[in-house]
Amino acid sequence: MATSLGLFDAGFQTFVVSDGCASSGGQEYHEAAIKILKRNIGQKYVISFSELPAMLS
């Protein structure tokens, strides 16, 4: 989460594959981090693995 937010703050277009990351604190913390990322970098930049092929084509 920190890396994504840091890149976003530095002006990079940043995407997060939500089901390609996790939290050492467990699922509850993972879901909280995803909510924070959606709020801070934008919901359209937090994608699932199934959306990735369309983004790359």
Protein backbone atom coordinates (compact mmCIF):
# COMPACT_ATOMS: atom_id res chain seq x y z
CA MET A 1 0.00 0.00 0.00
CA ALA A 2 2.76 2.43 0.90
CA THR A 3 4.56 1.83 -2.39
CA SER A 4 1.39 2.38 -4.40
CA LEU A 5 0.54 5.57 -2.56
CA GLY A 6 4.13 6.83 -2.85
CA LEU A 7 4.17 6.26 -6.61
CA PHE A 8 0.78 7.93 -6.98
CA ASP A 9 1.91 10.91 -4.93
CA ALA A 10 5.01 11.19 -7.14
CA GLY A 11 2.77 11.53 -10.19
CA PHE A 12 2.86 8.02 -11.61
CA GLN A 13 -0.28 6.39 -13.00
CA THR A 14 -0.48 3.55 -10.48
CA PHE A 15 -2.55 0.37 -10.74
CA VAL A 16 -2.98 -2.17 -7.97
CA VAL A 17 -4.06 -5.74 -8.70
CA SER A 18 -6.17 -6.29 -5.61
CA ASP A 19 -6.17 -10.08 -5.72
CA GLY A 20 -2.44 -10.13 -6.42
CA CYS A 21 -1.48 -8.71 -3.05
CA ALA A 22 -2.16 -9.45 0.59
CA SER A 23 -1.60 -8.21 4.11
CA SER A 24 0.48 -9.85 6.78
CA GLY A 25 -2.36 -8.88 9.12
CA GLY A 26 -4.86 -11.10 7.32
CA GLN A 27 -7.92 -10.62 5.13
CA GLU A 28 -9.51 -7.89 7.25
CA TYR A 29 -6.44 -5.67 6.89
CA HIS A 30 -6.13 -6.49 3.19
CA GLU A 31 -9.71 -5.37 2.59
CA ALA A 32 -9.12 -2.18 4.61
CA ALA A 33 -6.01 -1.39 2.57
CA ILE A 34 -7.90 -1.91 -0.69
CA LYS A 35 -10.61 0.51 0.49
CA ILE A 36 -7.95 3.09 1.35
CA LEU A 37 -6.29 2.64 -2.05
CA LYS A 38 -9.59 3.01 -3.88
CA ARG A 39 -10.26 6.23 -2.02
CA ASN A 40 -6.78 7.69 -2.48
CA ILE A 41 -5.67 6.62 -5.96
CA GLY A 42 -9.14 6.07 -7.43
CA GLN A 43 -11.39 3.06 -7.78
CA LYS A 44 -10.56 2.62 -11.49
CA TYR A 45 -6.90 2.06 -10.59
CA VAL A 46 -7.60 -0.85 -8.24
CA ILE A 47 -8.30 -3.78 -10.52
CA SER A 48 -8.60 -7.55 -10.27
CA PHE A 49 -6.36 -10.09 -11.96
CA SER A 50 -9.14 -10.91 -14.44
CA GLU A 51 -9.12 -7.28 -15.65
CA LEU A 52 -5.37 -7.26 -16.28
CA PRO A 53 -5.32 -8.79 -19.82
CA ALA A 54 -7.68 -6.10 -21.11
CA MET A 55 -5.47 -3.41 -19.59
CA LEU A 56 -2.38 -4.79 -21.35
CA SER A 57 -3.92 -5.05 -24.80
